[in-house]
Amino acid sequence: MHVFRMAQATAAASAERAAQDREKVTEARDQLAAAIVEAARDGMRQIDIVRVTGYTRERVRQILRAHGVTPD
């Protein structure tokens, strides 16, 4: 029984760490999206944003549209 409880505790700790890691990923994505929007509003071309971020042009377009940035 002792080994089972240790395994449960380890699994619970792993689940908590995974939740924290998911939160960090979400925060990082939000920060990157904000930087993409700022860059676009400052005049950076989408193709240059694509090159810097590694995102596809479509993904950059989606992020910009979601934040109210439309093509000129």
PDB file of N, CA and C in Angstrom:
ATOM      1  N   MET A   1       0.819  -1.192   0.000  1.00  0.00           N
ATOM      2  CA  MET A   1       0.000   0.000   0.000  1.00  0.00           C
ATOM      3  C   MET A   1       0.863   1.256   0.000  1.00  0.00           C
ATOM      4  N   HIS A   2       1.978   1.217   0.690  1.00  0.00           N
ATOM      5  CA  HIS A   2       2.841   2.388   0.786  1.00  0.00           C
ATOM      6  C   HIS A   2       3.329   2.817  -0.599  1.00  0.00           C
ATOM      7  N   VAL A   3       3.705   1.875  -1.427  1.00  0.00           N
ATOM      8  CA  VAL A   3       4.190   2.173  -2.776  1.00  0.00           C
ATOM      9  C   VAL A   3       3.069   2.801  -3.609  1.00  0.00           C
ATOM     10  N   PHE A   4       1.859   2.310  -3.437  1.00  0.00           N
ATOM     11  CA  PHE A   4       0.719   2.858  -4.168  1.00  0.00           C
ATOM     12  C   PHE A   4       0.498   4.320  -3.806  1.00  0.00           C
ATOM     13  N   ARG A   5       0.564   4.649  -2.530  1.00  0.00           N
ATOM     14  CA  ARG A   5       0.367   6.040  -2.090  1.00  0.00           C
ATOM     15  C   ARG A   5       1.482   6.939  -2.596  1.00  0.00           C
ATOM     16  N   MET A   6       2.687   6.414  -2.629  1.00  0.00           N
ATOM     17  CA  MET A   6       3.804   7.195  -3.171  1.00  0.00           C
ATOM     18  C   MET A   6       3.570   7.465  -4.658  1.00  0.00           C
ATOM     19  N   ALA A   7       3.085   6.454  -5.352  1.00  0.00           N
ATOM     20  CA  ALA A   7       2.804   6.612  -6.776  1.00  0.00           C
ATOM     21  C   ALA A   7       1.689   7.631  -7.000  1.00  0.00           C
ATOM     22  N   GLN A   8       0.677   7.594  -6.140  1.00  0.00           N
ATOM     23  CA  GLN A   8      -0.407   8.572  -6.243  1.00  0.00           C
ATOM     24  C   GLN A   8       0.120   9.988  -6.019  1.00  0.00           C
ATOM     25  N   ALA A   9       0.960  10.152  -5.021  1.00  0.00           N
ATOM     26  CA  ALA A   9       1.523  11.468  -4.723  1.00  0.00           C
ATOM     27  C   ALA A   9       2.388  11.959  -5.880  1.00  0.00           C
ATOM     28  N   THR A  10       3.160  11.059  -6.444  1.00  0.00           N
ATOM     29  CA  THR A  10       4.005  11.423  -7.584  1.00  0.00           C
ATOM     30  C   THR A  10       3.148  11.821  -8.779  1.00  0.00           C
ATOM     31  N   ALA A  11       2.097  11.069  -9.024  1.00  0.00           N
ATOM     32  CA  ALA A  11       1.200  11.382 -10.140  1.00  0.00           C
ATOM     33  C   ALA A  11       0.522  12.732  -9.924  1.00  0.00           C
ATOM     34  N   ALA A  12       0.101  12.999  -8.704  1.00  0.00           N
ATOM     35  CA  ALA A  12      -0.541  14.279  -8.401  1.00  0.00           C
ATOM     36  C   ALA A  12       0.438  15.433  -8.595  1.00  0.00           C
ATOM     37  N   ALA A  13       1.666  15.249  -8.144  1.00  0.00           N
ATOM     38  CA  ALA A  13       2.685  16.287  -8.314  1.00  0.00           C
ATOM     39  C   ALA A  13       2.985  16.509  -9.795  1.00  0.00           C
ATOM     40  N   SER A  14       3.033  15.442 -10.557  1.00  0.00           N
ATOM     41  CA  SER A  14       3.275  15.550 -11.997  1.00  0.00           C
ATOM     42  C   SER A  14       2.133  16.280 -12.690  1.00  0.00           C
ATOM     43  N   ALA A  15       0.924  15.993 -12.284  1.00  0.00           N
ATOM     44  CA  ALA A  15      -0.236  16.662 -12.868  1.00  0.00           C
ATOM     45  C   ALA A  15      -0.200  18.157 -12.559  1.00  0.00           C
ATOM     46  N   GLU A  16       0.191  18.502 -11.354  1.00  0.00           N
ATOM     47  CA  GLU A  16       0.292  19.913 -10.963  1.00  0.00           C
ATOM     48  C   GLU A  16       1.371  20.617 -11.782  1.00  0.00           C
ATOM     49  N   ARG A  17       2.515  19.971 -11.938  1.00  0.00           N
ATOM     50  CA  ARG A  17       3.594  20.561 -12.748  1.00  0.00           C
ATOM     51  C   ARG A  17       3.151  20.737 -14.194  1.00  0.00           C
ATOM     52  N   ALA A  18       2.430  19.764 -14.709  1.00  0.00           N
ATOM     53  CA  ALA A  18       1.936  19.854 -16.089  1.00  0.00           C
ATOM     54  C   ALA A  18       0.971  21.031 -16.235  1.00  0.00           C
ATOM     55  N   ALA A  19       0.110  21.221 -15.252  1.00  0.00           N
ATOM     56  CA  ALA A  19      -0.823  22.352 -15.286  1.00  0.00           C
ATOM     57  C   ALA A  19      -0.066  23.676 -15.246  1.00  0.00           C
ATOM     58  N   GLN A  20       0.960  23.752 -14.414  1.00  0.00           N
ATOM     59  CA  GLN A  20       1.776  24.967 -14.341  1.00  0.00           C
ATOM     60  C   GLN A  20       2.501  25.213 -15.659  1.00  0.00           C
ATOM     61  N   ASP A  21       3.006  24.156 -16.253  1.00  0.00           N
ATOM     62  CA  ASP A  21       3.702  24.288 -17.538  1.00  0.00           C
ATOM     63  C   ASP A  21       2.748  24.747 -18.637  1.00  0.00           C
ATOM     64  N   ARG A  22       1.528  24.223 -18.627  1.00  0.00           N
ATOM     65  CA  ARG A  22       0.535  24.659 -19.621  1.00  0.00           C
ATOM     66  C   ARG A  22       0.235  26.143 -19.453  1.00  0.00           C
ATOM     67  N   GLU A  23       0.159  26.589 -18.214  1.00  0.00           N
ATOM     68  CA  GLU A  23      -0.079  28.010 -17.934  1.00  0.00           C
ATOM     69  C   GLU A  23       1.075  28.861 -18.460  1.00  0.00           C
ATOM     70  N   LYS A  24       2.294  28.398 -18.275  1.00  0.00           N
ATOM     71  CA  LYS A  24       3.462  29.130 -18.780  1.00  0.00           C
ATOM     72  C   LYS A  24       3.443  29.212 -20.302  1.00  0.00           C
ATOM     73  N   VAL A  25       3.060  28.126 -20.940  1.00  0.00           N
ATOM     74  CA  VAL A  25       2.977  28.113 -22.404  1.00  0.00           C
ATOM     75  C   VAL A  25       1.920  29.111 -22.874  1.00  0.00           C
ATOM     76  N   THR A  26       0.780  29.120 -22.205  1.00  0.00           N
ATOM     77  CA  THR A  26      -0.286  30.056 -22.560  1.00  0.00           C
ATOM     78  C   THR A  26       0.194  31.492 -22.408  1.00  0.00           C
ATOM     79  N   GLU A  27       0.877  31.780 -21.303  1.00  0.00           N
ATOM     80  CA  GLU A  27       1.402  33.130 -21.078  1.00  0.00           C
ATOM     81  C   GLU A  27       2.416  33.510 -22.154  1.00  0.00           C
ATOM     82  N   ALA A  28       3.285  32.585 -22.506  1.00  0.00           N
ATOM     83  CA  ALA A  28       4.295  32.858 -23.532  1.00  0.00           C
ATOM     84  C   ALA A  28       3.633  33.117 -24.883  1.00  0.00           C
ATOM     85  N   ARG A  29       2.612  32.348 -25.216  1.00  0.00           N
ATOM     86  CA  ARG A  29       1.896  32.560 -26.482  1.00  0.00           C
ATOM     87  C   ARG A  29       1.206  33.920 -26.492  1.00  0.00           C
ATOM     88  N   ASP A  30       0.619  34.288 -25.359  1.00  0.00           N
ATOM     89  CA  ASP A  30      -0.036  35.594 -25.263  1.00  0.00           C
ATOM     90  C   ASP A  30       0.971  36.727 -25.432  1.00  0.00           C
ATOM     91  N   GLN A  31       2.139  36.571 -24.823  1.00  0.00           N
ATOM     92  CA  GLN A  31       3.183  37.588 -24.953  1.00  0.00           C
ATOM     93  C   GLN A  31       3.679  37.678 -26.392  1.00  0.00           C
ATOM     94  N   LEU A  32       3.840  36.542 -27.038  1.00  0.00           N
ATOM     95  CA  LEU A  32       4.276  36.541 -28.429  1.00  0.00           C
ATOM     96  C   LEU A  32       3.215  37.185 -29.317  1.00  0.00           C
ATOM     97  N   ALA A  33       1.956  36.879 -29.068  1.00  0.00           N
ATOM     98  CA  ALA A  33       0.877  37.491 -29.851  1.00  0.00           C
ATOM     99  C   ALA A  33       0.895  39.006 -29.677  1.00  0.00           C
ATOM    100  N   ALA A  34       1.093  39.472 -28.449  1.00  0.00           N
ATOM    101  CA  ALA A  34       1.162  40.918 -28.203  1.00  0.00           C
ATOM    102  C   ALA A  34       2.337  41.539 -28.947  1.00  0.00           C
ATOM    103  N   ALA A  35       3.462  40.853 -28.967  1.00  0.00           N
ATOM    104  CA  ALA A  35       4.641  41.355 -29.680  1.00  0.00           C
ATOM    105  C   ALA A  35       4.392  41.375 -31.187  1.00  0.00           C
ATOM    106  N   ILE A  36       3.697  40.374 -31.700  1.00  0.00           N
ATOM    107  CA  ILE A  36       3.362  40.324 -33.124  1.00  0.00           C
ATOM    108  C   ILE A  36       2.467  41.499 -33.489  1.00  0.00           C
ATOM    109  N   VAL A  37       1.462  41.743 -32.671  1.00  0.00           N
ATOM    110  CA  VAL A  37       0.539  42.852 -32.918  1.00  0.00           C
ATOM    111  C   VAL A  37       1.286  44.182 -32.869  1.00  0.00           C
ATOM    112  N   GLU A  38       2.124  44.354 -31.869  1.00  0.00           N
ATOM    113  CA  GLU A  38       2.896  45.590 -31.742  1.00  0.00           C
ATOM    114  C   GLU A  38       3.802  45.793 -32.958  1.00  0.00           C
ATOM    115  N   ALA A  39       4.469  44.736 -33.375  1.00  0.00           N
ATOM    116  CA  ALA A  39       5.364  44.831 -34.532  1.00  0.00           C
ATOM    117  C   ALA A  39       4.583  45.220 -35.786  1.00  0.00           C
ATOM    118  N   ALA A  40       3.435  44.605 -35.980  1.00  0.00           N
ATOM    119  CA  ALA A  40       2.620  44.917 -37.160  1.00  0.00           C
ATOM    120  C   ALA A  40       2.138  46.361 -37.116  1.00  0.00           C
ATOM    121  N   ARG A  41       1.713  46.808 -35.949  1.00  0.00           N
ATOM    122  CA  ARG A  41       1.245  48.196 -35.818  1.00  0.00           C
ATOM    123  C   ARG A  41       2.382  49.194 -36.005  1.00  0.00           C
ATOM    124  N   ASP A  42       3.590  48.756 -35.699  1.00  0.00           N
ATOM    125  CA  ASP A  42       4.766  49.613 -35.898  1.00  0.00           C
ATOM    126  C   ASP A  42       5.267  49.581 -37.341  1.00  0.00           C
ATOM    127  N   GLY A  43       4.596  48.803 -38.190  1.00  0.00           N
ATOM    128  CA  GLY A  43       4.929  48.797 -39.606  1.00  0.00           C
ATOM    129  C   GLY A  43       5.715  47.601 -40.107  1.00  0.00           C
ATOM    130  N   MET A  44       5.979  46.636 -39.248  1.00  0.00           N
ATOM    131  CA  MET A  44       6.710  45.449 -39.697  1.00  0.00           C
ATOM    132  C   MET A  44       5.827  44.635 -40.636  1.00  0.00           C
ATOM    133  N   ARG A  45       6.401  44.186 -41.734  1.00  0.00           N
ATOM    134  CA  ARG A  45       5.649  43.392 -42.706  1.00  0.00           C
ATOM    135  C   ARG A  45       5.371  41.994 -42.151  1.00  0.00           C
ATOM    136  N   GLN A  46       4.239  41.427 -42.573  1.00  0.00           N
ATOM    137  CA  GLN A  46       3.876  40.088 -42.103  1.00  0.00           C
ATOM    138  C   GLN A  46       4.951  39.068 -42.444  1.00  0.00           C
ATOM    139  N   ILE A  47       5.527  39.160 -43.618  1.00  0.00           N
ATOM    140  CA  ILE A  47       6.553  38.182 -44.010  1.00  0.00           C
ATOM    141  C   ILE A  47       7.751  38.251 -43.070  1.00  0.00           C
ATOM    142  N   ASP A  48       8.080  39.443 -42.591  1.00  0.00           N
ATOM    143  CA  ASP A  48       9.185  39.578 -41.642  1.00  0.00           C
ATOM    144  C   ASP A  48       8.805  39.010 -40.274  1.00  0.00           C
ATOM    145  N   ILE A  49       7.553  39.193 -39.890  1.00  0.00           N
ATOM    146  CA  ILE A  49       7.066  38.605 -38.632  1.00  0.00           C
ATOM    147  C   ILE A  49       7.113  37.082 -38.734  1.00  0.00           C
ATOM    148  N   VAL A  50       6.726  36.556 -39.881  1.00  0.00           N
ATOM    149  CA  VAL A  50       6.774  35.106 -40.120  1.00  0.00           C
ATOM    150  C   VAL A  50       8.200  34.603 -39.948  1.00  0.00           C
ATOM    151  N   ARG A  51       9.145  35.299 -40.541  1.00  0.00           N
ATOM    152  CA  ARG A  51      10.547  34.866 -40.461  1.00  0.00           C
ATOM    153  C   ARG A  51      11.069  34.889 -39.029  1.00  0.00           C
ATOM    154  N   VAL A  52      10.701  35.913 -38.282  1.00  0.00           N
ATOM    155  CA  VAL A  52      11.202  36.052 -36.908  1.00  0.00           C
ATOM    156  C   VAL A  52      10.563  35.033 -35.969  1.00  0.00           C
ATOM    157  N   THR A  53       9.260  34.822 -36.119  1.00  0.00           N
ATOM    158  CA  THR A  53       8.540  33.960 -35.175  1.00  0.00           C
ATOM    159  C   THR A  53       8.568  32.483 -35.539  1.00  0.00           C
ATOM    160  N   GLY A  54       8.697  32.198 -36.829  1.00  0.00           N
ATOM    161  CA  GLY A  54       8.593  30.810 -37.262  1.00  0.00           C
ATOM    162  C   GLY A  54       7.155  30.365 -37.464  1.00  0.00           C
ATOM    163  N   TYR A  55       6.199  31.255 -37.202  1.00  0.00           N
ATOM    164  CA  TYR A  55       4.798  30.948 -37.452  1.00  0.00           C
ATOM    165  C   TYR A  55       4.538  31.005 -38.953  1.00  0.00           C
ATOM    166  N   THR A  56       3.470  30.360 -39.377  1.00  0.00           N
ATOM    167  CA  THR A  56       3.080  30.475 -40.779  1.00  0.00           C
ATOM    168  C   THR A  56       2.451  31.847 -41.005  1.00  0.00           C
ATOM    169  N   ARG A  57       2.406  32.242 -42.258  1.00  0.00           N
ATOM    170  CA  ARG A  57       1.780  33.523 -42.587  1.00  0.00           C
ATOM    171  C   ARG A  57       0.306  33.510 -42.165  1.00  0.00           C
ATOM    172  N   GLU A  58      -0.348  32.376 -42.346  1.00  0.00           N
ATOM    173  CA  GLU A  58      -1.751  32.257 -41.954  1.00  0.00           C
ATOM    174  C   GLU A  58      -1.919  32.438 -40.450  1.00  0.00           C
ATOM    175  N   ARG A  59      -1.036  31.844 -39.660  1.00  0.00           N
ATOM    176  CA  ARG A  59      -1.143  31.976 -38.201  1.00  0.00           C
ATOM    177  C   ARG A  59      -0.922  33.424 -37.777  1.00  0.00           C
ATOM    178  N   VAL A  60       0.047  34.080 -38.392  1.00  0.00           N
ATOM    179  CA  VAL A  60       0.284  35.496 -38.085  1.00  0.00           C
ATOM    180  C   VAL A  60      -0.962  36.301 -38.445  1.00  0.00           C
ATOM    181  N   ARG A  61      -1.536  36.022 -39.604  1.00  0.00           N
ATOM    182  CA  ARG A  61      -2.752  36.719 -40.026  1.00  0.00           C
ATOM    183  C   ARG A  61      -3.886  36.507 -39.018  1.00  0.00           C
ATOM    184  N   GLN A  62      -4.040  35.275 -38.538  1.00  0.00           N
ATOM    185  CA  GLN A  62      -5.085  34.968 -37.556  1.00  0.00           C
ATOM    186  C   GLN A  62      -4.882  35.760 -36.270  1.00  0.00           C
ATOM    187  N   ILE A  63      -3.656  35.811 -35.797  1.00  0.00           N
ATOM    188  CA  ILE A  63      -3.353  36.549 -34.564  1.00  0.00           C
ATOM    189  C   ILE A  63      -3.664  38.028 -34.753  1.00  0.00           C
ATOM    190  N   LEU A  64      -3.232  38.577 -35.880  1.00  0.00           N
ATOM    191  CA  LEU A  64      -3.467  39.996 -36.132  1.00  0.00           C
ATOM    192  C   LEU A  64      -4.958  40.300 -36.227  1.00  0.00           C
ATOM    193  N   ARG A  65      -5.711  39.478 -36.948  1.00  0.00           N
ATOM    194  CA  ARG A  65      -7.151  39.712 -37.077  1.00  0.00           C
ATOM    195  C   ARG A  65      -7.840  39.611 -35.716  1.00  0.00           C
ATOM    196  N   ALA A  66      -7.411  38.663 -34.906  1.00  0.00           N
ATOM    197  CA  ALA A  66      -8.011  38.488 -33.578  1.00  0.00           C
ATOM    198  C   ALA A  66      -7.788  39.710 -32.692  1.00  0.00           C
ATOM    199  N   HIS A  67      -6.747  40.481 -33.016  1.00  0.00           N
ATOM    200  CA  HIS A  67      -6.437  41.677 -32.229  1.00  0.00           C
ATOM    201  C   HIS A  67      -6.805  42.963 -32.968  1.00  0.00           C
ATOM    202  N   GLY A  68      -7.624  42.821 -33.997  1.00  0.00           N
ATOM    203  CA  GLY A  68      -8.148  43.988 -34.690  1.00  0.00           C
ATOM    204  C   GLY A  68      -7.210  44.653 -35.675  1.00  0.00           C
ATOM    205  N   VAL A  69      -6.135  43.973 -36.046  1.00  0.00           N
ATOM    206  CA  VAL A  69      -5.210  44.535 -37.030  1.00  0.00           C
ATOM    207  C   VAL A  69      -5.624  44.007 -38.397  1.00  0.00           C
ATOM    208  N   THR A  70      -5.959  44.929 -39.290  1.00  0.00           N
ATOM    209  CA  THR A  70      -6.389  44.542 -40.630  1.00  0.00           C
ATOM    210  C   THR A  70      -5.383  45.032 -41.659  1.00  0.00           C
ATOM    211  N   PRO A  71      -5.361  44.401 -42.821  1.00  0.00           N
ATOM    212  CA  PRO A  71      -4.416  44.855 -43.848  1.00  0.00           C
ATOM    213  C   PRO A  71      -4.778  46.253 -44.326  1.00  0.00           C
ATOM    214  N   ASP A  72      -3.772  46.964 -44.773  1.00  0.00           N
ATOM    215  CA  ASP A  72      -4.011  48.335 -45.264  1.00  0.00           C
ATOM    216  C   ASP A  72      -4.731  48.345 -46.576  1.00  0.00           C
TER     217      ASP A  72
END
